[in-house]
């Protein structure tokens, strides 16, 4: 099992938030600056954490079935009345947030393909210490058919 905490304000932009512009009369889909920024932050933090993993303990990229547990802690807005650890029931949706994050985990080489993630637990809270807690674990024998 691998676990770590990414100290950051979790982005609220999601993978689905592409923009469209017209170039030479044809629509072109592109990533807006906020989405590019979120991808770069995730990538930098994930690579830094990957560098802290000792090679004998884990053979990366992981193979076989994987469980991914994430806990997203969003900063508590001043005067909101929210408490540290209280469930966050507003946007972004957990599934939309997780897509970009899993893509970044794949690109940084933690596992071979995000299709290996066959168990996901994602929670979001208001937190006095914003960030994302991550746990990645192999969950048993597999047959790659």
C-alpha atoms as a PDB file:
ATOM      1  CA  UNK A   1       0.000   0.000   0.000  1.00  0.00           C
ATOM      2  CA  UNK A   2       1.209   3.484  -0.881  1.00  0.00           C
ATOM      3  CA  UNK A   3      -0.217   6.528   0.851  1.00  0.00           C
ATOM      4  CA  UNK A   4       0.617  10.212   0.831  1.00  0.00           C
ATOM      5  CA  UNK A   5      -0.860  13.682   1.203  1.00  0.00           C
ATOM      6  CA  UNK A   6      -0.717  16.347  -1.509  1.00  0.00           C
ATOM      7  CA  UNK A   7      -0.819  19.745   0.228  1.00  0.00           C
ATOM      8  CA  UNK A   8      -2.754  21.952  -2.176  1.00  0.00           C
ATOM      9  CA  UNK A   9      -6.049  23.667  -2.727  1.00  0.00           C
ATOM     10  CA  UNK A  10      -7.848  21.027  -4.782  1.00  0.00           C
ATOM     11  CA  UNK A  11      -8.790  22.380  -8.197  1.00  0.00           C
ATOM     12  CA  UNK A  12     -12.456  22.801  -8.994  1.00  0.00           C
ATOM     13  CA  UNK A  13     -11.889  22.594 -12.751  1.00  0.00           C
ATOM     14  CA  UNK A  14     -12.573  19.162 -14.247  1.00  0.00           C
ATOM     15  CA  UNK A  15     -11.399  17.168 -17.263  1.00  0.00           C
ATOM     16  CA  UNK A  16     -14.727  17.797 -19.021  1.00  0.00           C
ATOM     17  CA  UNK A  17     -14.310  21.576 -19.040  1.00  0.00           C
ATOM     18  CA  UNK A  18     -12.739  21.969 -22.453  1.00  0.00           C
ATOM     19  CA  UNK A  19     -13.185  25.140 -24.488  1.00  0.00           C
ATOM     20  CA  UNK A  20     -13.871  25.446 -28.190  1.00  0.00           C
ATOM     21  CA  UNK A  21     -12.534  28.052 -30.586  1.00  0.00           C
ATOM     22  CA  UNK A  22     -12.843  28.399 -34.330  1.00  0.00           C
ATOM     23  CA  UNK A  23      -9.622  28.207 -36.344  1.00  0.00           C
ATOM     24  CA  UNK A  24      -9.860  28.675 -40.114  1.00  0.00           C
ATOM     25  CA  UNK A  25     -13.582  28.038 -39.958  1.00  0.00           C
ATOM     26  CA  UNK A  26     -13.306  24.760 -38.004  1.00  0.00           C
ATOM     27  CA  UNK A  27     -14.030  24.154 -34.319  1.00  0.00           C
ATOM     28  CA  UNK A  28     -10.990  23.210 -32.238  1.00  0.00           C
ATOM     29  CA  UNK A  29     -11.285  21.800 -28.721  1.00  0.00           C
ATOM     30  CA  UNK A  30      -8.591  22.921 -26.292  1.00  0.00           C
ATOM     31  CA  UNK A  31      -7.819  22.933 -22.579  1.00  0.00           C
ATOM     32  CA  UNK A  32      -8.405  26.300 -20.911  1.00  0.00           C
ATOM     33  CA  UNK A  33      -5.583  27.736 -18.761  1.00  0.00           C
ATOM     34  CA  UNK A  34      -7.237  26.627 -15.477  1.00  0.00           C
ATOM     35  CA  UNK A  35      -7.343  23.017 -16.668  1.00  0.00           C
ATOM     36  CA  UNK A  36      -3.709  23.127 -17.853  1.00  0.00           C
ATOM     37  CA  UNK A  37      -2.685  24.636 -14.519  1.00  0.00           C
ATOM     38  CA  UNK A  38      -4.491  21.910 -12.540  1.00  0.00           C
ATOM     39  CA  UNK A  39      -2.849  19.194 -14.657  1.00  0.00           C
ATOM     40  CA  UNK A  40       0.604  20.739 -14.125  1.00  0.00           C
ATOM     41  CA  UNK A  41       0.103  21.005 -10.340  1.00  0.00           C
ATOM     42  CA  UNK A  42      -1.094  17.409 -10.063  1.00  0.00           C
ATOM     43  CA  UNK A  43       1.797  16.186 -12.200  1.00  0.00           C
ATOM     44  CA  UNK A  44       4.449  18.073 -10.207  1.00  0.00           C
ATOM     45  CA  UNK A  45       3.118  16.917  -6.834  1.00  0.00           C
ATOM     46  CA  UNK A  46       2.684  13.308  -7.980  1.00  0.00           C
ATOM     47  CA  UNK A  47       6.217  13.170  -9.393  1.00  0.00           C
ATOM     48  CA  UNK A  48       7.601  14.590  -6.133  1.00  0.00           C
ATOM     49  CA  UNK A  49       5.779  11.897  -4.140  1.00  0.00           C
ATOM     50  CA  UNK A  50       6.905   9.200  -6.563  1.00  0.00           C
ATOM     51  CA  UNK A  51      10.487  10.270  -5.918  1.00  0.00           C
ATOM     52  CA  UNK A  52       9.994   9.552  -2.204  1.00  0.00           C
ATOM     53  CA  UNK A  53       8.982   5.929  -2.787  1.00  0.00           C
ATOM     54  CA  UNK A  54      11.858   3.526  -2.142  1.00  0.00           C
ATOM     55  CA  UNK A  55      12.481   1.183  -5.073  1.00  0.00           C
ATOM     56  CA  UNK A  56      12.767  -2.111  -3.104  1.00  0.00           C
ATOM     57  CA  UNK A  57       9.389  -1.532  -1.455  1.00  0.00           C
ATOM     58  CA  UNK A  58       7.339  -0.893  -4.591  1.00  0.00           C
ATOM     59  CA  UNK A  59       7.814  -1.811  -8.203  1.00  0.00           C
ATOM     60  CA  UNK A  60       6.319   1.041 -10.208  1.00  0.00           C
ATOM     61  CA  UNK A  61       4.341   1.104 -12.350  1.00  0.00           C
ATOM     62  CA  UNK A  62       1.972  -1.132 -10.411  1.00  0.00           C
ATOM     63  CA  UNK A  63       0.364  -3.988 -12.299  1.00  0.00           C
ATOM     64  CA  UNK A  64      -2.857  -5.872 -11.682  1.00  0.00           C
ATOM     65  CA  UNK A  65      -6.015  -4.699  -9.915  1.00  0.00           C
ATOM     66  CA  UNK A  66      -5.784  -1.505  -7.881  1.00  0.00           C
ATOM     67  CA  UNK A  67      -7.894   0.227  -5.253  1.00  0.00           C
ATOM     68  CA  UNK A  68      -7.647   4.021  -5.196  1.00  0.00           C
ATOM     69  CA  UNK A  69      -8.779   5.911  -2.123  1.00  0.00           C
ATOM     70  CA  UNK A  70      -8.836   9.712  -2.219  1.00  0.00           C
ATOM     71  CA  UNK A  71     -10.019  12.232   0.331  1.00  0.00           C
ATOM     72  CA  UNK A  72     -10.314  15.766  -1.041  1.00  0.00           C
ATOM     73  CA  UNK A  73     -10.068  18.527   1.569  1.00  0.00           C
ATOM     74  CA  UNK A  74     -11.274  21.903   0.315  1.00  0.00           C
ATOM     75  CA  UNK A  75     -10.467  25.141   2.167  1.00  0.00           C
ATOM     76  CA  UNK A  76     -13.195  26.335   4.494  1.00  0.00           C
ATOM     77  CA  UNK A  77     -14.605  29.634   3.195  1.00  0.00           C
ATOM     78  CA  UNK A  78     -14.342  32.359   5.808  1.00  0.00           C
ATOM     79  CA  UNK A  79     -17.643  32.970   7.552  1.00  0.00           C
ATOM     80  CA  UNK A  80     -19.278  29.913   5.949  1.00  0.00           C
ATOM     81  CA  UNK A  81     -19.937  28.122   9.214  1.00  0.00           C
ATOM     82  CA  UNK A  82     -18.470  24.888   7.831  1.00  0.00           C
ATOM     83  CA  UNK A  83     -16.405  22.782  10.199  1.00  0.00           C
ATOM     84  CA  UNK A  84     -13.098  21.009   9.646  1.00  0.00           C
ATOM     85  CA  UNK A  85     -13.932  17.499   8.430  1.00  0.00           C
ATOM     86  CA  UNK A  86     -17.523  18.299   7.476  1.00  0.00           C
ATOM     87  CA  UNK A  87     -18.760  16.647   4.278  1.00  0.00           C
ATOM     88  CA  UNK A  88     -18.620  18.941   1.220  1.00  0.00           C
ATOM     89  CA  UNK A  89     -21.837  18.508  -0.748  1.00  0.00           C
ATOM     90  CA  UNK A  90     -21.258  21.152  -3.413  1.00  0.00           C
ATOM     91  CA  UNK A  91     -19.421  21.008  -6.741  1.00  0.00           C
ATOM     92  CA  UNK A  92     -17.150  19.732  -8.076  1.00  0.00           C
ATOM     93  CA  UNK A  93     -18.606  16.236  -8.292  1.00  0.00           C
ATOM     94  CA  UNK A  94     -16.234  13.527  -7.079  1.00  0.00           C
ATOM     95  CA  UNK A  95     -16.332  11.571 -10.337  1.00  0.00           C
ATOM     96  CA  UNK A  96     -15.444  14.642 -12.395  1.00  0.00           C
ATOM     97  CA  UNK A  97     -12.571  15.599 -10.081  1.00  0.00           C
ATOM     98  CA  UNK A  98     -11.186  12.093 -10.084  1.00  0.00           C
ATOM     99  CA  UNK A  99     -10.945  11.737 -13.893  1.00  0.00           C
ATOM    100  CA  UNK A 100      -8.243  14.399 -14.310  1.00  0.00           C
ATOM    101  CA  UNK A 101      -6.419  13.156 -11.210  1.00  0.00           C
ATOM    102  CA  UNK A 102      -6.357   9.523 -12.403  1.00  0.00           C
ATOM    103  CA  UNK A 103      -5.096  10.636 -15.812  1.00  0.00           C
ATOM    104  CA  UNK A 104      -2.224  12.458 -14.089  1.00  0.00           C
ATOM    105  CA  UNK A 105      -1.429   9.399 -11.943  1.00  0.00           C
ATOM    106  CA  UNK A 106      -1.255   7.318 -15.128  1.00  0.00           C
ATOM    107  CA  UNK A 107       0.942   9.858 -16.942  1.00  0.00           C
ATOM    108  CA  UNK A 108       3.376   9.976 -14.023  1.00  0.00           C
ATOM    109  CA  UNK A 109       3.797   6.202 -14.050  1.00  0.00           C
ATOM    110  CA  UNK A 110       2.247   4.998 -10.794  1.00  0.00           C
ATOM    111  CA  UNK A 111       0.340   2.283 -12.688  1.00  0.00           C
ATOM    112  CA  UNK A 112       0.245   1.034 -16.264  1.00  0.00           C
ATOM    113  CA  UNK A 113      -3.318   2.099 -17.115  1.00  0.00           C
ATOM    114  CA  UNK A 114      -6.133   3.651 -15.111  1.00  0.00           C
ATOM    115  CA  UNK A 115      -8.342   0.774 -16.303  1.00  0.00           C
ATOM    116  CA  UNK A 116      -6.545  -1.213 -13.555  1.00  0.00           C
ATOM    117  CA  UNK A 117      -8.433   0.796 -10.945  1.00  0.00           C
ATOM    118  CA  UNK A 118     -11.306  -1.533 -10.160  1.00  0.00           C
ATOM    119  CA  UNK A 119     -12.139  -0.116  -6.745  1.00  0.00           C
ATOM    120  CA  UNK A 120     -12.477   3.593  -5.942  1.00  0.00           C
ATOM    121  CA  UNK A 121     -13.381   5.356  -2.760  1.00  0.00           C
ATOM    122  CA  UNK A 122     -13.536   9.129  -3.131  1.00  0.00           C
ATOM    123  CA  UNK A 123     -14.697  11.500  -0.429  1.00  0.00           C
ATOM    124  CA  UNK A 124     -14.693  15.281  -0.154  1.00  0.00           C
ATOM    125  CA  UNK A 125     -14.674  17.431   2.939  1.00  0.00           C
ATOM    126  CA  UNK A 126     -14.160  20.959   4.129  1.00  0.00           C
ATOM    127  CA  UNK A 127     -10.717  21.050   5.702  1.00  0.00           C
ATOM    128  CA  UNK A 128      -8.567  23.389   7.754  1.00  0.00           C
ATOM    129  CA  UNK A 129      -5.562  21.886   5.928  1.00  0.00           C
ATOM    130  CA  UNK A 130      -6.515  21.683   2.238  1.00  0.00           C
ATOM    131  CA  UNK A 131      -5.133  18.919   0.090  1.00  0.00           C
ATOM    132  CA  UNK A 132      -5.698  15.422  -1.201  1.00  0.00           C
ATOM    133  CA  UNK A 133      -4.991  12.263   0.773  1.00  0.00           C
ATOM    134  CA  UNK A 134      -4.159   9.396  -1.593  1.00  0.00           C
ATOM    135  CA  UNK A 135      -3.925   5.653  -0.962  1.00  0.00           C
ATOM    136  CA  UNK A 136      -3.049   3.258  -3.781  1.00  0.00           C
ATOM    137  CA  UNK A 137      -3.079  -0.461  -3.121  1.00  0.00           C
ATOM    138  CA  UNK A 138      -2.792  -3.678  -5.078  1.00  0.00           C
ATOM    139  CA  UNK A 139      -5.802  -5.835  -4.301  1.00  0.00           C
ATOM    140  CA  UNK A 140      -4.936  -9.390  -5.179  1.00  0.00           C
ATOM    141  CA  UNK A 141      -4.166 -11.895  -7.849  1.00  0.00           C
ATOM    142  CA  UNK A 142      -5.246 -11.247 -11.376  1.00  0.00           C
ATOM    143  CA  UNK A 143      -5.542 -12.794 -14.780  1.00  0.00           C
ATOM    144  CA  UNK A 144      -4.910 -10.211 -17.491  1.00  0.00           C
ATOM    145  CA  UNK A 145      -7.319 -11.740 -20.048  1.00  0.00           C
END
